[in-house]
N, C-alpha and C. Protein backbone atom coordinates (compact mmCIF):
# COMPACT_ATOMS: atom_id res chain seq x y z
N MET A 1 -15.52 -3.35 20.61
CA MET A 1 -15.14 -1.96 20.88
C MET A 1 -13.67 -1.87 21.30
N LYS A 2 -13.24 -2.84 22.12
CA LYS A 2 -11.88 -2.86 22.56
C LYS A 2 -10.86 -2.95 21.40
N LYS A 3 -11.18 -3.80 20.45
CA LYS A 3 -10.39 -4.02 19.25
C LYS A 3 -10.27 -2.69 18.47
N PHE A 4 -11.34 -1.93 18.34
CA PHE A 4 -11.34 -0.72 17.62
C PHE A 4 -10.44 0.32 18.32
N ILE A 5 -10.54 0.38 19.53
CA ILE A 5 -9.64 1.27 20.31
C ILE A 5 -8.21 0.88 20.21
N LEU A 6 -7.87 -0.41 20.30
CA LEU A 6 -6.58 -0.86 20.19
C LEU A 6 -5.98 -0.58 18.77
N ILE A 7 -6.75 -0.85 17.75
CA ILE A 7 -6.32 -0.62 16.38
C ILE A 7 -6.09 0.89 16.21
N THR A 8 -6.90 1.76 16.68
CA THR A 8 -6.75 3.24 16.60
C THR A 8 -5.58 3.71 17.27
N VAL A 9 -5.32 3.23 18.51
CA VAL A 9 -4.04 3.62 19.21
C VAL A 9 -2.84 3.15 18.51
N LEU A 10 -2.85 1.96 17.96
CA LEU A 10 -1.66 1.43 17.26
C LEU A 10 -1.39 2.24 15.95
N THR A 11 -2.52 2.57 15.23
CA THR A 11 -2.38 3.32 14.02
C THR A 11 -1.85 4.70 14.30
N LEU A 12 -2.36 5.41 15.35
CA LEU A 12 -1.78 6.73 15.67
C LEU A 12 -0.36 6.61 16.09
N GLY A 13 -0.01 5.65 16.82
CA GLY A 13 1.37 5.43 17.27
C GLY A 13 2.30 5.30 16.10
N LEU A 14 1.87 4.55 15.15
CA LEU A 14 2.78 4.33 13.97
C LEU A 14 2.86 5.60 13.14
N ALA A 15 1.74 6.32 13.04
CA ALA A 15 1.79 7.61 12.23
C ALA A 15 2.70 8.59 12.85
N PHE A 16 2.78 8.80 14.15
CA PHE A 16 3.67 9.72 14.73
C PHE A 16 5.14 9.25 14.66
N ASP A 17 5.42 8.02 14.66
CA ASP A 17 6.75 7.50 14.50
C ASP A 17 7.32 7.75 13.13
N GLY A 18 6.53 7.64 12.12
CA GLY A 18 6.98 7.83 10.78
C GLY A 18 7.14 9.36 10.41
N TYR A 19 6.33 10.17 11.08
CA TYR A 19 6.38 11.61 10.81
C TYR A 19 7.75 12.25 11.20
N SER A 20 8.46 11.67 12.16
CA SER A 20 9.73 12.29 12.60
C SER A 20 10.82 12.24 11.61
N GLN A 21 10.68 11.38 10.63
CA GLN A 21 11.78 11.30 9.57
C GLN A 21 11.72 12.44 8.56
N CYS A 22 10.57 13.12 8.33
CA CYS A 22 10.43 14.09 7.28
C CYS A 22 11.37 15.23 7.40
N PRO A 23 11.53 15.87 8.61
CA PRO A 23 12.44 17.07 8.71
C PRO A 23 13.85 16.64 8.44
N MET A 24 14.26 15.43 8.81
CA MET A 24 15.63 14.98 8.64
C MET A 24 15.85 14.82 7.15
N CYS A 25 14.98 14.23 6.46
CA CYS A 25 15.21 14.02 4.95
C CYS A 25 15.25 15.40 4.27
N LYS A 26 14.35 16.25 4.67
CA LYS A 26 14.35 17.58 4.04
C LYS A 26 15.62 18.38 4.29
N ALA A 27 16.15 18.29 5.46
CA ALA A 27 17.42 19.02 5.80
C ALA A 27 18.51 18.38 4.93
N ALA A 28 18.52 17.05 4.84
CA ALA A 28 19.60 16.38 4.06
C ALA A 28 19.57 16.83 2.57
N LEU A 29 18.39 16.92 2.08
CA LEU A 29 18.21 17.24 0.69
C LEU A 29 18.47 18.70 0.35
N THR A 30 18.03 19.54 1.21
CA THR A 30 18.17 20.97 0.92
C THR A 30 19.59 21.52 1.26
N SER A 31 20.30 20.86 2.10
CA SER A 31 21.66 21.34 2.49
C SER A 31 22.60 21.28 1.28
N GLY A 32 22.50 20.29 0.44
CA GLY A 32 23.33 20.26 -0.74
C GLY A 32 22.86 21.11 -1.86
N ARG A 33 21.61 21.51 -1.88
CA ARG A 33 21.07 22.37 -2.96
C ARG A 33 21.40 23.82 -2.79
N LYS A 34 21.44 24.34 -1.56
CA LYS A 34 21.64 25.75 -1.33
C LYS A 34 23.12 26.17 -1.54
N THR A 35 23.99 25.33 -1.20
CA THR A 35 25.39 25.63 -1.38
C THR A 35 25.88 24.95 -2.59
N LYS A 36 27.10 25.29 -2.94
CA LYS A 36 27.70 24.65 -4.14
C LYS A 36 28.33 23.31 -3.65
N ALA A 37 27.46 22.35 -3.51
CA ALA A 37 27.90 21.01 -3.01
C ALA A 37 28.59 20.20 -4.16
N SER A 38 29.27 19.23 -3.69
CA SER A 38 29.95 18.34 -4.69
C SER A 38 28.90 17.60 -5.54
N GLN A 39 29.37 17.05 -6.60
CA GLN A 39 28.49 16.23 -7.48
C GLN A 39 27.86 15.06 -6.74
N TYR A 40 28.66 14.42 -5.85
CA TYR A 40 28.12 13.32 -5.06
C TYR A 40 26.99 13.70 -4.20
N ASP A 41 27.03 14.89 -3.52
CA ASP A 41 26.00 15.36 -2.64
C ASP A 41 24.66 15.56 -3.43
N ARG A 42 24.78 16.08 -4.63
CA ARG A 42 23.67 16.34 -5.49
C ARG A 42 23.07 15.02 -5.94
N GLN A 43 23.89 13.99 -6.21
CA GLN A 43 23.40 12.67 -6.68
C GLN A 43 22.61 12.04 -5.49
N VAL A 44 23.12 12.14 -4.31
CA VAL A 44 22.41 11.55 -3.14
C VAL A 44 21.03 12.16 -3.04
N GLY A 45 20.98 13.52 -3.17
CA GLY A 45 19.67 14.15 -3.07
C GLY A 45 18.72 13.75 -4.17
N ASN A 46 19.20 13.61 -5.46
CA ASN A 46 18.37 13.16 -6.55
C ASN A 46 17.90 11.71 -6.34
N GLY A 47 18.72 10.89 -5.79
CA GLY A 47 18.38 9.48 -5.56
C GLY A 47 17.29 9.38 -4.42
N ILE A 48 17.42 10.21 -3.39
CA ILE A 48 16.37 10.17 -2.39
C ILE A 48 15.05 10.68 -2.93
N ASN A 49 15.13 11.71 -3.76
CA ASN A 49 13.89 12.26 -4.37
C ASN A 49 13.25 11.17 -5.23
N LYS A 50 14.01 10.46 -5.99
CA LYS A 50 13.44 9.44 -6.94
C LYS A 50 12.82 8.33 -6.06
N GLY A 51 13.51 7.91 -5.00
CA GLY A 51 13.00 6.89 -4.10
C GLY A 51 11.67 7.27 -3.44
N ILE A 52 11.54 8.58 -3.08
CA ILE A 52 10.31 9.03 -2.45
C ILE A 52 9.19 9.02 -3.51
N LEU A 53 9.47 9.35 -4.75
CA LEU A 53 8.47 9.30 -5.82
C LEU A 53 8.00 7.85 -6.04
N PHE A 54 8.95 6.96 -6.05
CA PHE A 54 8.72 5.54 -6.30
C PHE A 54 7.81 5.00 -5.16
N LEU A 55 8.15 5.31 -3.88
CA LEU A 55 7.34 4.87 -2.76
C LEU A 55 5.98 5.45 -2.75
N MET A 56 5.83 6.68 -3.21
CA MET A 56 4.62 7.38 -3.22
C MET A 56 3.67 6.80 -4.33
N SER A 57 4.20 6.22 -5.39
CA SER A 57 3.41 5.73 -6.48
C SER A 57 2.74 4.37 -6.09
N VAL A 58 3.35 3.58 -5.22
CA VAL A 58 2.82 2.29 -4.92
C VAL A 58 1.38 2.26 -4.50
N PRO A 59 0.96 3.17 -3.51
CA PRO A 59 -0.44 3.16 -3.12
C PRO A 59 -1.37 3.46 -4.26
N TYR A 60 -1.02 4.33 -5.15
CA TYR A 60 -1.86 4.70 -6.27
C TYR A 60 -2.05 3.55 -7.23
N VAL A 61 -1.00 2.80 -7.49
CA VAL A 61 -1.08 1.59 -8.33
C VAL A 61 -1.96 0.54 -7.72
N LEU A 62 -1.85 0.37 -6.33
CA LEU A 62 -2.72 -0.61 -5.71
C LEU A 62 -4.19 -0.27 -5.81
N VAL A 63 -4.44 1.03 -5.53
CA VAL A 63 -5.87 1.54 -5.57
C VAL A 63 -6.41 1.39 -6.96
N ALA A 64 -5.60 1.78 -8.00
CA ALA A 64 -6.06 1.70 -9.35
C ALA A 64 -6.31 0.18 -9.74
N GLY A 65 -5.53 -0.72 -9.36
CA GLY A 65 -5.68 -2.11 -9.56
C GLY A 65 -6.94 -2.65 -8.94
N ALA A 66 -7.20 -2.20 -7.70
CA ALA A 66 -8.43 -2.68 -7.06
C ALA A 66 -9.62 -2.11 -7.72
N GLY A 67 -9.59 -0.84 -8.09
CA GLY A 67 -10.66 -0.20 -8.83
C GLY A 67 -10.99 -0.90 -10.16
N PHE A 68 -9.94 -1.28 -10.84
CA PHE A 68 -10.05 -1.94 -12.18
C PHE A 68 -10.72 -3.32 -11.97
N ALA A 69 -10.27 -4.00 -10.87
CA ALA A 69 -10.83 -5.35 -10.61
C ALA A 69 -12.31 -5.22 -10.22
N LEU A 70 -12.66 -4.22 -9.43
CA LEU A 70 -14.14 -3.98 -9.16
C LEU A 70 -14.90 -3.67 -10.35
N TYR A 71 -14.38 -2.86 -11.23
CA TYR A 71 -15.05 -2.49 -12.46
C TYR A 71 -15.28 -3.72 -13.36
N LYS A 72 -14.25 -4.56 -13.48
CA LYS A 72 -14.44 -5.77 -14.25
C LYS A 72 -15.45 -6.68 -13.73
N ALA A 73 -15.47 -6.86 -12.40
CA ALA A 73 -16.44 -7.75 -11.72
C ALA A 73 -17.87 -7.16 -11.89
N ASN A 74 -18.03 -5.92 -11.77
CA ASN A 74 -19.36 -5.32 -11.94
C ASN A 74 -19.86 -5.46 -13.36
N THR A 75 -18.92 -5.25 -14.37
CA THR A 75 -19.43 -5.43 -15.77
C THR A 75 -19.70 -6.86 -16.00
N LYS A 76 -19.01 -7.77 -15.41
CA LYS A 76 -19.26 -9.17 -15.66
C LYS A 76 -20.69 -9.54 -15.02
N LYS A 77 -20.97 -9.03 -13.91
CA LYS A 77 -22.25 -9.31 -13.20
C LYS A 77 -23.44 -8.76 -14.12
N LYS A 78 -23.20 -7.51 -14.58
CA LYS A 78 -24.30 -6.90 -15.47
C LYS A 78 -24.49 -7.67 -16.73
N ARG A 79 -23.37 -8.13 -17.29
CA ARG A 79 -23.45 -8.92 -18.57
C ARG A 79 -24.21 -10.24 -18.33
N ASN A 80 -23.94 -10.85 -17.16
CA ASN A 80 -24.64 -12.06 -16.85
C ASN A 80 -26.11 -11.90 -16.56
N ARG A 81 -26.49 -10.76 -15.99
CA ARG A 81 -27.90 -10.48 -15.71
C ARG A 81 -28.69 -10.22 -17.08
N LEU A 82 -27.99 -9.52 -18.02
CA LEU A 82 -28.69 -9.23 -19.21
C LEU A 82 -28.81 -10.48 -20.17
N ALA A 83 -27.96 -11.45 -19.99
CA ALA A 83 -27.98 -12.64 -20.84
C ALA A 83 -29.02 -13.60 -20.46
């Protein structure tokens, strides 16, 4: 039970620490979009947006890979039972 509480506290602590970056990124990205910013400022915003999309795709790829591995393992077990 102590391990569960410790893991929960650590997880919540990490979640709140990461949340503080979102308003800063949003402010940096939207400040160059509203005004007529230089080409460099727009490129920085586009690069950050592409980086966010890349980081967001990694968990989906991992879950899809795990799901595919489970699917293959289950079909292999079923095939062995039928044989």
